[in-house]
Amino acid sequence: MSCYLLTVLTKKQEVDAIIRDTIDKVLVLHFDRASDLVCLQLDDILSKLAWEVSKFARVALVDIDSNEIQVYVKYFDISFKPSTVCFFFFFF
């Protein structure tokens, strides 16, 4: 991934941890690949946006070329690159 301002996830354990640990914020997982120009442009936009939404959202990049991430690519049925998945967990 090209963006050094955002968290880049390349392992299933990292995705599991960020989903589990992000509470009371929107979690934005952006599935893309570093070799795609459109993905790089969206990474740049997301990196600029991440600071502005940091009080209520957390943005992370997920490298779809990683073998360990394929379980999530299949689970979320990621067929278009790039794709974005958003979560919100609220606990009392």
C-alpha atoms as a PDB file:
ATOM      1  CA  MET A   1       0.000   0.000   0.000  1.00  0.00           C
ATOM      2  CA  SER A   2       1.190   3.461  -0.699  1.00  0.00           C
ATOM      3  CA  CYS A   3      -0.362   5.356   2.145  1.00  0.00           C
ATOM      4  CA  TYR A   4       1.795   5.706   5.224  1.00  0.00           C
ATOM      5  CA  LEU A   5      -0.828   7.682   7.192  1.00  0.00           C
ATOM      6  CA  LEU A   6      -3.333   4.849   7.407  1.00  0.00           C
ATOM      7  CA  THR A   7      -3.094   1.468   9.089  1.00  0.00           C
ATOM      8  CA  VAL A   8      -2.375  -1.241   6.526  1.00  0.00           C
ATOM      9  CA  LEU A   9      -3.674  -4.719   7.331  1.00  0.00           C
ATOM     10  CA  THR A  10      -2.082  -7.715   5.640  1.00  0.00           C
ATOM     11  CA  LYS A  11      -2.944 -10.548   8.049  1.00  0.00           C
ATOM     12  CA  LYS A  12      -6.207 -12.085   9.181  1.00  0.00           C
ATOM     13  CA  GLN A  13      -5.218 -11.569  12.818  1.00  0.00           C
ATOM     14  CA  GLU A  14      -4.782  -7.836  12.207  1.00  0.00           C
ATOM     15  CA  VAL A  15      -8.253  -7.559  10.678  1.00  0.00           C
ATOM     16  CA  ASP A  16      -9.729  -9.602  13.543  1.00  0.00           C
ATOM     17  CA  ALA A  17      -8.044  -7.329  16.086  1.00  0.00           C
ATOM     18  CA  ILE A  18      -9.128  -4.039  14.513  1.00  0.00           C
ATOM     19  CA  ILE A  19     -12.731  -5.252  14.241  1.00  0.00           C
ATOM     20  CA  ARG A  20     -12.676  -6.433  17.861  1.00  0.00           C
ATOM     21  CA  ASP A  21     -10.932  -3.345  19.251  1.00  0.00           C
ATOM     22  CA  THR A  22     -12.865  -0.591  17.462  1.00  0.00           C
ATOM     23  CA  ILE A  23     -15.758   0.268  19.766  1.00  0.00           C
ATOM     24  CA  ASP A  24     -18.086   3.288  19.561  1.00  0.00           C
ATOM     25  CA  LYS A  25     -16.607   4.334  16.211  1.00  0.00           C
ATOM     26  CA  VAL A  26     -17.338   3.515  12.614  1.00  0.00           C
ATOM     27  CA  LEU A  27     -14.713   1.173  11.225  1.00  0.00           C
ATOM     28  CA  VAL A  28     -13.978   1.675   7.533  1.00  0.00           C
ATOM     29  CA  LEU A  29     -12.056  -1.182   5.917  1.00  0.00           C
ATOM     30  CA  HIS A  30     -10.891  -0.301   2.429  1.00  0.00           C
ATOM     31  CA  PHE A  31      -9.961  -3.419   0.430  1.00  0.00           C
ATOM     32  CA  ASP A  32      -7.521  -2.552  -2.345  1.00  0.00           C
ATOM     33  CA  ARG A  33      -4.188  -3.313  -3.950  1.00  0.00           C
ATOM     34  CA  ALA A  34      -1.073  -1.179  -4.181  1.00  0.00           C
ATOM     35  CA  SER A  35      -0.511  -1.896  -7.864  1.00  0.00           C
ATOM     36  CA  ASP A  36      -3.774  -0.271  -9.000  1.00  0.00           C
ATOM     37  CA  LEU A  37      -3.760   3.448  -9.843  1.00  0.00           C
ATOM     38  CA  VAL A  38      -7.417   3.950  -8.860  1.00  0.00           C
ATOM     39  CA  CYS A  39      -6.743   2.303  -5.502  1.00  0.00           C
ATOM     40  CA  LEU A  40      -3.788   4.622  -4.911  1.00  0.00           C
ATOM     41  CA  GLN A  41      -5.925   7.669  -5.664  1.00  0.00           C
ATOM     42  CA  LEU A  42      -8.601   6.501  -3.220  1.00  0.00           C
ATOM     43  CA  ASP A  43      -5.931   5.776  -0.590  1.00  0.00           C
ATOM     44  CA  ASP A  44      -4.791   9.382  -0.881  1.00  0.00           C
ATOM     45  CA  ILE A  45      -8.347  10.656  -0.444  1.00  0.00           C
ATOM     46  CA  LEU A  46      -8.958   8.358   2.531  1.00  0.00           C
ATOM     47  CA  SER A  47      -5.714   9.438   4.207  1.00  0.00           C
ATOM     48  CA  LYS A  48      -6.813  13.082   4.006  1.00  0.00           C
ATOM     49  CA  LEU A  49     -10.278  12.178   5.251  1.00  0.00           C
ATOM     50  CA  ALA A  50      -9.101   9.972   8.131  1.00  0.00           C
ATOM     51  CA  TRP A  51      -7.861  12.838  10.286  1.00  0.00           C
ATOM     52  CA  GLU A  52     -11.077  14.800   9.830  1.00  0.00           C
ATOM     53  CA  VAL A  53     -13.278  11.874  10.871  1.00  0.00           C
ATOM     54  CA  SER A  54     -10.957  10.495  13.562  1.00  0.00           C
ATOM     55  CA  LYS A  55     -13.329  11.417  16.410  1.00  0.00           C
ATOM     56  CA  PHE A  56     -16.038   9.108  15.115  1.00  0.00           C
ATOM     57  CA  ALA A  57     -14.383   6.792  12.572  1.00  0.00           C
ATOM     58  CA  ARG A  58     -11.292   4.681  12.093  1.00  0.00           C
ATOM     59  CA  VAL A  59     -10.009   4.004   8.575  1.00  0.00           C
ATOM     60  CA  ALA A  60      -7.728   1.117   7.611  1.00  0.00           C
ATOM     61  CA  LEU A  61      -6.485  -0.310   4.336  1.00  0.00           C
ATOM     62  CA  VAL A  62      -6.691  -4.048   3.685  1.00  0.00           C
ATOM     63  CA  ASP A  63      -4.279  -5.542   1.162  1.00  0.00           C
ATOM     64  CA  ILE A  64      -6.367  -7.925  -0.954  1.00  0.00           C
ATOM     65  CA  ASP A  65      -3.242  -9.445  -2.493  1.00  0.00           C
ATOM     66  CA  SER A  66      -2.308 -10.993   0.854  1.00  0.00           C
ATOM     67  CA  ASN A  67      -3.103 -14.707   1.057  1.00  0.00           C
ATOM     68  CA  GLU A  68      -4.197 -14.422   4.689  1.00  0.00           C
ATOM     69  CA  ILE A  69      -6.820 -11.798   3.811  1.00  0.00           C
ATOM     70  CA  GLN A  70      -8.592 -14.018   1.279  1.00  0.00           C
ATOM     71  CA  VAL A  71     -10.888 -15.361   3.990  1.00  0.00           C
ATOM     72  CA  TYR A  72     -12.324 -11.842   4.397  1.00  0.00           C
ATOM     73  CA  VAL A  73     -12.419 -11.228   0.657  1.00  0.00           C
ATOM     74  CA  LYS A  74     -14.634 -14.309   0.348  1.00  0.00           C
ATOM     75  CA  TYR A  75     -16.651 -13.592   3.511  1.00  0.00           C
ATOM     76  CA  PHE A  76     -17.553 -10.033   2.431  1.00  0.00           C
ATOM     77  CA  ASP A  77     -17.881 -11.141  -1.215  1.00  0.00           C
ATOM     78  CA  ILE A  78     -15.362  -8.561  -2.424  1.00  0.00           C
ATOM     79  CA  SER A  79     -15.581  -8.792  -6.190  1.00  0.00           C
ATOM     80  CA  PHE A  80     -14.765  -5.191  -7.128  1.00  0.00           C
ATOM     81  CA  LYS A  81     -11.419  -3.620  -6.367  1.00  0.00           C
ATOM     82  CA  PRO A  82     -11.375  -1.299  -4.523  1.00  0.00           C
ATOM     83  CA  SER A  83     -14.230  -2.030  -2.124  1.00  0.00           C
ATOM     84  CA  THR A  84     -15.108  -0.519   1.218  1.00  0.00           C
ATOM     85  CA  VAL A  85     -16.808  -2.204   4.167  1.00  0.00           C
ATOM     86  CA  CYS A  86     -18.077  -0.183   7.141  1.00  0.00           C
ATOM     87  CA  PHE A  87     -18.889  -1.438  10.638  1.00  0.00           C
ATOM     88  CA  PHE A  88     -20.376   0.172  13.696  1.00  0.00           C
ATOM     89  CA  PHE A  89     -20.445  -1.551  17.087  1.00  0.00           C
ATOM     90  CA  PHE A  90     -22.009   0.161  20.053  1.00  0.00           C
ATOM     91  CA  PHE A  91     -21.813  -1.405  23.492  1.00  0.00           C
ATOM     92  CA  PHE A  92     -23.487  -0.212  26.667  1.00  0.00           C
END
